[in-house]
């Protein structure tokens, strides 16, 4: 199977033109039929053009972009996309940065990007843990809000003990069956302690 040169272009708003990016991709050897594009903000996660490109790309293909920032909504998203392409054996070329991820320099840059992504993920986890600890120290609820109050949990337990089905309890309290199961289990575990 012949490998393809695929291109991706993105602008943030509809009035902006893709022409300059598309011209650069064509000059870099991408066939017009293989150019995918989006006219969406980089902060949007739903980018159909990029999704289609990533679905079409196969091992040995080359994806060409005018600049790496066209690939993602944040640095970490760009890096994750690069990692995904590398794992799948797809070559990435960025024209502005003059990077070809199939060359030794490109592979080195991919390693640096991967290290930066790991570092950023670690920082995010540390910040989240510190925020949870600070909130907990102040007696604040962290995470997703509870679906049931303590009184509702006790009511669910009593209904369950009286033989009501989990579905009936869930409908009565306006929650899912899984929430009822967790509530009943939570009460049972608390009684064991």
C-alpha atoms as a PDB file:
ATOM      1  CA  UNK A   1       0.000   0.000   0.000  1.00  0.00           C
ATOM      2  CA  UNK A   2       1.346   3.438  -0.918  1.00  0.00           C
ATOM      3  CA  UNK A   3       1.946   5.842   1.922  1.00  0.00           C
ATOM      4  CA  UNK A   4       0.088   9.136   1.784  1.00  0.00           C
ATOM      5  CA  UNK A   5       1.040  12.720   2.463  1.00  0.00           C
ATOM      6  CA  UNK A   6      -1.884  14.127   4.412  1.00  0.00           C
ATOM      7  CA  UNK A   7      -2.317  17.727   5.477  1.00  0.00           C
ATOM      8  CA  UNK A   8      -4.185  19.516   8.227  1.00  0.00           C
ATOM      9  CA  UNK A   9      -5.093  23.199   8.411  1.00  0.00           C
ATOM     10  CA  UNK A  10      -7.056  25.066  11.065  1.00  0.00           C
ATOM     11  CA  UNK A  11      -8.215  28.615  11.650  1.00  0.00           C
ATOM     12  CA  UNK A  12     -10.067  29.797  14.745  1.00  0.00           C
ATOM     13  CA  UNK A  13     -13.056  31.578  13.235  1.00  0.00           C
ATOM     14  CA  UNK A  14     -15.187  31.242  10.149  1.00  0.00           C
ATOM     15  CA  UNK A  15     -14.227  34.626   8.621  1.00  0.00           C
ATOM     16  CA  UNK A  16     -10.542  33.635   8.657  1.00  0.00           C
ATOM     17  CA  UNK A  17      -9.185  31.988   5.539  1.00  0.00           C
ATOM     18  CA  UNK A  18      -7.485  28.616   5.273  1.00  0.00           C
ATOM     19  CA  UNK A  19      -5.911  29.615   1.933  1.00  0.00           C
ATOM     20  CA  UNK A  20      -2.422  30.423   3.217  1.00  0.00           C
ATOM     21  CA  UNK A  21      -2.134  27.158   5.135  1.00  0.00           C
ATOM     22  CA  UNK A  22      -3.578  25.097   2.281  1.00  0.00           C
ATOM     23  CA  UNK A  23      -1.142  26.726  -0.194  1.00  0.00           C
ATOM     24  CA  UNK A  24       1.772  25.861   2.105  1.00  0.00           C
ATOM     25  CA  UNK A  25       0.579  22.255   2.428  1.00  0.00           C
ATOM     26  CA  UNK A  26       0.228  21.891  -1.349  1.00  0.00           C
ATOM     27  CA  UNK A  27       3.724  23.364  -1.837  1.00  0.00           C
ATOM     28  CA  UNK A  28       5.013  20.767   0.664  1.00  0.00           C
ATOM     29  CA  UNK A  29       3.702  17.925  -1.536  1.00  0.00           C
ATOM     30  CA  UNK A  30       0.257  17.257  -0.070  1.00  0.00           C
ATOM     31  CA  UNK A  31      -2.384  16.454  -2.681  1.00  0.00           C
ATOM     32  CA  UNK A  32      -5.415  18.746  -2.412  1.00  0.00           C
ATOM     33  CA  UNK A  33      -7.658  15.684  -1.983  1.00  0.00           C
ATOM     34  CA  UNK A  34      -5.765  14.825   1.223  1.00  0.00           C
ATOM     35  CA  UNK A  35      -6.065  18.169   3.003  1.00  0.00           C
ATOM     36  CA  UNK A  36      -8.309  18.123   6.080  1.00  0.00           C
ATOM     37  CA  UNK A  37      -9.345  21.293   7.830  1.00  0.00           C
ATOM     38  CA  UNK A  38     -11.383  22.883  10.582  1.00  0.00           C
ATOM     39  CA  UNK A  39     -12.660  26.407  11.171  1.00  0.00           C
ATOM     40  CA  UNK A  40     -12.917  26.143  14.938  1.00  0.00           C
ATOM     41  CA  UNK A  41     -11.244  27.599  17.974  1.00  0.00           C
ATOM     42  CA  UNK A  42      -8.211  25.706  19.214  1.00  0.00           C
ATOM     43  CA  UNK A  43      -9.980  25.385  22.571  1.00  0.00           C
ATOM     44  CA  UNK A  44     -12.712  23.198  21.044  1.00  0.00           C
ATOM     45  CA  UNK A  45     -12.294  19.481  21.556  1.00  0.00           C
ATOM     46  CA  UNK A  46     -14.677  18.466  18.776  1.00  0.00           C
ATOM     47  CA  UNK A  47     -12.727  19.004  15.586  1.00  0.00           C
ATOM     48  CA  UNK A  48     -14.205  16.855  12.836  1.00  0.00           C
ATOM     49  CA  UNK A  49     -11.463  17.600  10.294  1.00  0.00           C
ATOM     50  CA  UNK A  50      -8.685  16.512  12.662  1.00  0.00           C
ATOM     51  CA  UNK A  51     -10.703  13.487  13.787  1.00  0.00           C
ATOM     52  CA  UNK A  52     -11.218  12.405  10.147  1.00  0.00           C
ATOM     53  CA  UNK A  53      -7.501  12.911   9.387  1.00  0.00           C
ATOM     54  CA  UNK A  54      -6.465  10.798  12.374  1.00  0.00           C
ATOM     55  CA  UNK A  55      -8.950   8.097  11.329  1.00  0.00           C
ATOM     56  CA  UNK A  56      -7.610   8.032   7.749  1.00  0.00           C
ATOM     57  CA  UNK A  57      -3.886   8.108   8.597  1.00  0.00           C
ATOM     58  CA  UNK A  58      -2.114   4.737   8.585  1.00  0.00           C
ATOM     59  CA  UNK A  59       1.338   3.515   9.524  1.00  0.00           C
ATOM     60  CA  UNK A  60       3.931   4.950   7.123  1.00  0.00           C
ATOM     61  CA  UNK A  61       1.794   7.964   6.162  1.00  0.00           C
ATOM     62  CA  UNK A  62       3.043  11.514   6.713  1.00  0.00           C
ATOM     63  CA  UNK A  63       0.921  14.264   8.207  1.00  0.00           C
ATOM     64  CA  UNK A  64       2.012  17.795   7.335  1.00  0.00           C
ATOM     65  CA  UNK A  65       0.941  20.872   9.312  1.00  0.00           C
ATOM     66  CA  UNK A  66       1.956  24.495   8.874  1.00  0.00           C
ATOM     67  CA  UNK A  67       2.658  24.765  12.621  1.00  0.00           C
ATOM     68  CA  UNK A  68       2.388  22.394  15.571  1.00  0.00           C
ATOM     69  CA  UNK A  69      -0.167  24.618  17.302  1.00  0.00           C
ATOM     70  CA  UNK A  70      -2.673  23.699  14.581  1.00  0.00           C
ATOM     71  CA  UNK A  71      -2.851  20.177  16.082  1.00  0.00           C
ATOM     72  CA  UNK A  72      -4.204  20.920  19.531  1.00  0.00           C
ATOM     73  CA  UNK A  73      -6.027  23.146  21.942  1.00  0.00           C
ATOM     74  CA  UNK A  74      -3.079  23.259  24.366  1.00  0.00           C
ATOM     75  CA  UNK A  75       0.575  22.295  24.465  1.00  0.00           C
ATOM     76  CA  UNK A  76      -0.254  19.096  26.295  1.00  0.00           C
ATOM     77  CA  UNK A  77      -2.905  18.206  23.672  1.00  0.00           C
ATOM     78  CA  UNK A  78      -0.411  18.853  20.853  1.00  0.00           C
ATOM     79  CA  UNK A  79       2.131  16.615  22.595  1.00  0.00           C
ATOM     80  CA  UNK A  80      -0.437  13.858  23.147  1.00  0.00           C
ATOM     81  CA  UNK A  81      -1.319  13.996  19.448  1.00  0.00           C
ATOM     82  CA  UNK A  82       2.372  13.740  18.527  1.00  0.00           C
ATOM     83  CA  UNK A  83       2.781  10.756  20.884  1.00  0.00           C
ATOM     84  CA  UNK A  84      -0.277   9.060  19.352  1.00  0.00           C
ATOM     85  CA  UNK A  85       1.086   9.536  15.828  1.00  0.00           C
ATOM     86  CA  UNK A  86       4.499   8.185  16.811  1.00  0.00           C
ATOM     87  CA  UNK A  87       2.927   5.145  18.503  1.00  0.00           C
ATOM     88  CA  UNK A  88       0.995   4.451  15.295  1.00  0.00           C
ATOM     89  CA  UNK A  89       4.070   4.808  13.044  1.00  0.00           C
ATOM     90  CA  UNK A  90       2.777   7.974  11.377  1.00  0.00           C
ATOM     91  CA  UNK A  91       5.338  10.631  10.498  1.00  0.00           C
ATOM     92  CA  UNK A  92       4.640  14.253  11.380  1.00  0.00           C
ATOM     93  CA  UNK A  93       6.152  17.257   9.622  1.00  0.00           C
ATOM     94  CA  UNK A  94       5.713  20.828  10.796  1.00  0.00           C
ATOM     95  CA  UNK A  95       6.667  23.483   8.276  1.00  0.00           C
ATOM     96  CA  UNK A  96       7.055  26.542  10.522  1.00  0.00           C
ATOM     97  CA  UNK A  97       9.200  24.729  13.102  1.00  0.00           C
ATOM     98  CA  UNK A  98      11.031  22.896  10.299  1.00  0.00           C
ATOM     99  CA  UNK A  99      10.573  19.598  12.129  1.00  0.00           C
ATOM    100  CA  UNK A 100      10.314  16.173  10.590  1.00  0.00           C
ATOM    101  CA  UNK A 101       9.648  13.639  13.315  1.00  0.00           C
ATOM    102  CA  UNK A 102      11.196  10.837  11.248  1.00  0.00           C
ATOM    103  CA  UNK A 103      14.673  12.432  11.479  1.00  0.00           C
ATOM    104  CA  UNK A 104      17.030  12.149  14.458  1.00  0.00           C
ATOM    105  CA  UNK A 105      16.355  15.804  15.365  1.00  0.00           C
ATOM    106  CA  UNK A 106      12.598  15.283  15.116  1.00  0.00           C
ATOM    107  CA  UNK A 107      12.787  12.144  17.275  1.00  0.00           C
ATOM    108  CA  UNK A 108      14.805  14.070  19.864  1.00  0.00           C
ATOM    109  CA  UNK A 109      12.189  16.842  19.868  1.00  0.00           C
ATOM    110  CA  UNK A 110       9.413  14.266  20.271  1.00  0.00           C
ATOM    111  CA  UNK A 111      11.243  12.901  23.332  1.00  0.00           C
ATOM    112  CA  UNK A 112      11.571  16.403  24.767  1.00  0.00           C
ATOM    113  CA  UNK A 113       7.869  17.040  24.127  1.00  0.00           C
ATOM    114  CA  UNK A 114       6.973  13.749  25.825  1.00  0.00           C
ATOM    115  CA  UNK A 115       9.053  14.708  28.870  1.00  0.00           C
ATOM    116  CA  UNK A 116       7.319  18.104  28.949  1.00  0.00           C
ATOM    117  CA  UNK A 117       3.909  16.416  28.810  1.00  0.00           C
ATOM    118  CA  UNK A 118       4.817  14.104  31.700  1.00  0.00           C
ATOM    119  CA  UNK A 119       6.041  17.094  33.666  1.00  0.00           C
ATOM    120  CA  UNK A 120       2.831  19.048  32.963  1.00  0.00           C
ATOM    121  CA  UNK A 121       0.651  16.058  33.941  1.00  0.00           C
ATOM    122  CA  UNK A 122       2.605  15.754  37.206  1.00  0.00           C
ATOM    123  CA  UNK A 123       2.125  19.450  37.941  1.00  0.00           C
ATOM    124  CA  UNK A 124      -1.603  19.186  37.266  1.00  0.00           C
ATOM    125  CA  UNK A 125      -1.880  16.201  39.654  1.00  0.00           C
ATOM    126  CA  UNK A 126       0.090  18.039  42.347  1.00  0.00           C
ATOM    127  CA  UNK A 127      -2.057  21.163  42.037  1.00  0.00           C
ATOM    128  CA  UNK A 128      -5.258  19.107  42.164  1.00  0.00           C
ATOM    129  CA  UNK A 129      -4.071  17.177  45.229  1.00  0.00           C
ATOM    130  CA  UNK A 130      -3.086  20.420  47.002  1.00  0.00           C
ATOM    131  CA  UNK A 131      -6.481  21.966  46.190  1.00  0.00           C
ATOM    132  CA  UNK A 132      -8.316  18.878  47.498  1.00  0.00           C
ATOM    133  CA  UNK A 133      -6.237  18.873  50.689  1.00  0.00           C
ATOM    134  CA  UNK A 134      -6.877  22.594  51.261  1.00  0.00           C
ATOM    135  CA  UNK A 135     -10.620  22.155  50.678  1.00  0.00           C
ATOM    136  CA  UNK A 136     -10.761  19.113  52.930  1.00  0.00           C
ATOM    137  CA  UNK A 137      -8.912  20.978  55.699  1.00  0.00           C
ATOM    138  CA  UNK A 138     -11.639  23.627  55.511  1.00  0.00           C
ATOM    139  CA  UNK A 139     -14.366  20.989  55.671  1.00  0.00           C
ATOM    140  CA  UNK A 140     -15.476  21.519  52.087  1.00  0.00           C
ATOM    141  CA  UNK A 141     -16.793  18.788  49.842  1.00  0.00           C
ATOM    142  CA  UNK A 142     -14.351  17.905  47.062  1.00  0.00           C
ATOM    143  CA  UNK A 143     -15.029  16.141  43.828  1.00  0.00           C
ATOM    144  CA  UNK A 144     -18.404  15.553  42.302  1.00  0.00           C
ATOM    145  CA  UNK A 145     -21.377  16.655  44.445  1.00  0.00           C
ATOM    146  CA  UNK A 146     -23.146  13.837  46.257  1.00  0.00           C
ATOM    147  CA  UNK A 147     -26.358  12.645  44.627  1.00  0.00           C
ATOM    148  CA  UNK A 148     -28.049  11.798  47.915  1.00  0.00           C
ATOM    149  CA  UNK A 149     -28.182  13.532  51.263  1.00  0.00           C
ATOM    150  CA  UNK A 150     -27.461  11.534  54.433  1.00  0.00           C
ATOM    151  CA  UNK A 151     -31.217  11.345  55.087  1.00  0.00           C
ATOM    152  CA  UNK A 152     -31.839   9.994  51.580  1.00  0.00           C
ATOM    153  CA  UNK A 153     -29.097   7.391  52.041  1.00  0.00           C
ATOM    154  CA  UNK A 154     -30.790   6.204  55.243  1.00  0.00           C
ATOM    155  CA  UNK A 155     -34.151   6.152  53.470  1.00  0.00           C
ATOM    156  CA  UNK A 156     -32.655   4.066  50.637  1.00  0.00           C
ATOM    157  CA  UNK A 157     -31.272   1.627  53.199  1.00  0.00           C
ATOM    158  CA  UNK A 158     -34.633   1.302  54.971  1.00  0.00           C
ATOM    159  CA  UNK A 159     -36.473   0.813  51.657  1.00  0.00           C
ATOM    160  CA  UNK A 160     -33.932  -1.810  50.591  1.00  0.00           C
ATOM    161  CA  UNK A 161     -34.240  -3.665  53.911  1.00  0.00           C
ATOM    162  CA  UNK A 162     -38.018  -3.646  53.570  1.00  0.00           C
ATOM    163  CA  UNK A 163     -37.716  -5.433  50.230  1.00  0.00           C
ATOM    164  CA  UNK A 164     -38.103  -2.603  47.717  1.00  0.00           C
ATOM    165  CA  UNK A 165     -36.240  -3.168  44.454  1.00  0.00           C
ATOM    166  CA  UNK A 166     -33.231  -1.042  43.625  1.00  0.00           C
ATOM    167  CA  UNK A 167     -35.064   0.260  40.541  1.00  0.00           C
ATOM    168  CA  UNK A 168     -38.025   1.397  42.647  1.00  0.00           C
ATOM    169  CA  UNK A 169     -35.742   3.102  45.167  1.00  0.00           C
ATOM    170  CA  UNK A 170     -33.841   4.839  42.374  1.00  0.00           C
ATOM    171  CA  UNK A 171     -37.071   6.124  40.798  1.00  0.00           C
ATOM    172  CA  UNK A 172     -38.375   7.334  44.153  1.00  0.00           C
ATOM    173  CA  UNK A 173     -35.163   9.244  44.899  1.00  0.00           C
ATOM    174  CA  UNK A 174     -34.503  10.381  41.321  1.00  0.00           C
ATOM    175  CA  UNK A 175     -31.127   8.668  41.019  1.00  0.00           C
ATOM    176  CA  UNK A 176     -29.605   5.782  39.081  1.00  0.00           C
ATOM    177  CA  UNK A 177     -29.533   2.179  40.242  1.00  0.00           C
ATOM    178  CA  UNK A 178     -25.739   2.438  40.620  1.00  0.00           C
ATOM    179  CA  UNK A 179     -26.179   5.356  43.035  1.00  0.00           C
ATOM    180  CA  UNK A 180     -28.634   3.307  45.108  1.00  0.00           C
ATOM    181  CA  UNK A 181     -26.240   0.340  45.198  1.00  0.00           C
ATOM    182  CA  UNK A 182     -23.402   2.640  46.355  1.00  0.00           C
ATOM    183  CA  UNK A 183     -25.597   4.224  49.014  1.00  0.00           C
ATOM    184  CA  UNK A 184     -26.749   0.876  50.417  1.00  0.00           C
ATOM    185  CA  UNK A 185     -23.190  -0.455  50.352  1.00  0.00           C
ATOM    186  CA  UNK A 186     -21.906   2.722  52.040  1.00  0.00           C
ATOM    187  CA  UNK A 187     -24.364   2.298  54.919  1.00  0.00           C
ATOM    188  CA  UNK A 188     -23.524  -1.404  55.264  1.00  0.00           C
ATOM    189  CA  UNK A 189     -19.771  -0.663  55.396  1.00  0.00           C
ATOM    190  CA  UNK A 190     -20.296   2.142  57.929  1.00  0.00           C
ATOM    191  CA  UNK A 191     -22.238  -0.254  60.180  1.00  0.00           C
ATOM    192  CA  UNK A 192     -19.393  -2.815  60.032  1.00  0.00           C
ATOM    193  CA  UNK A 193     -16.883  -0.162  61.173  1.00  0.00           C
END
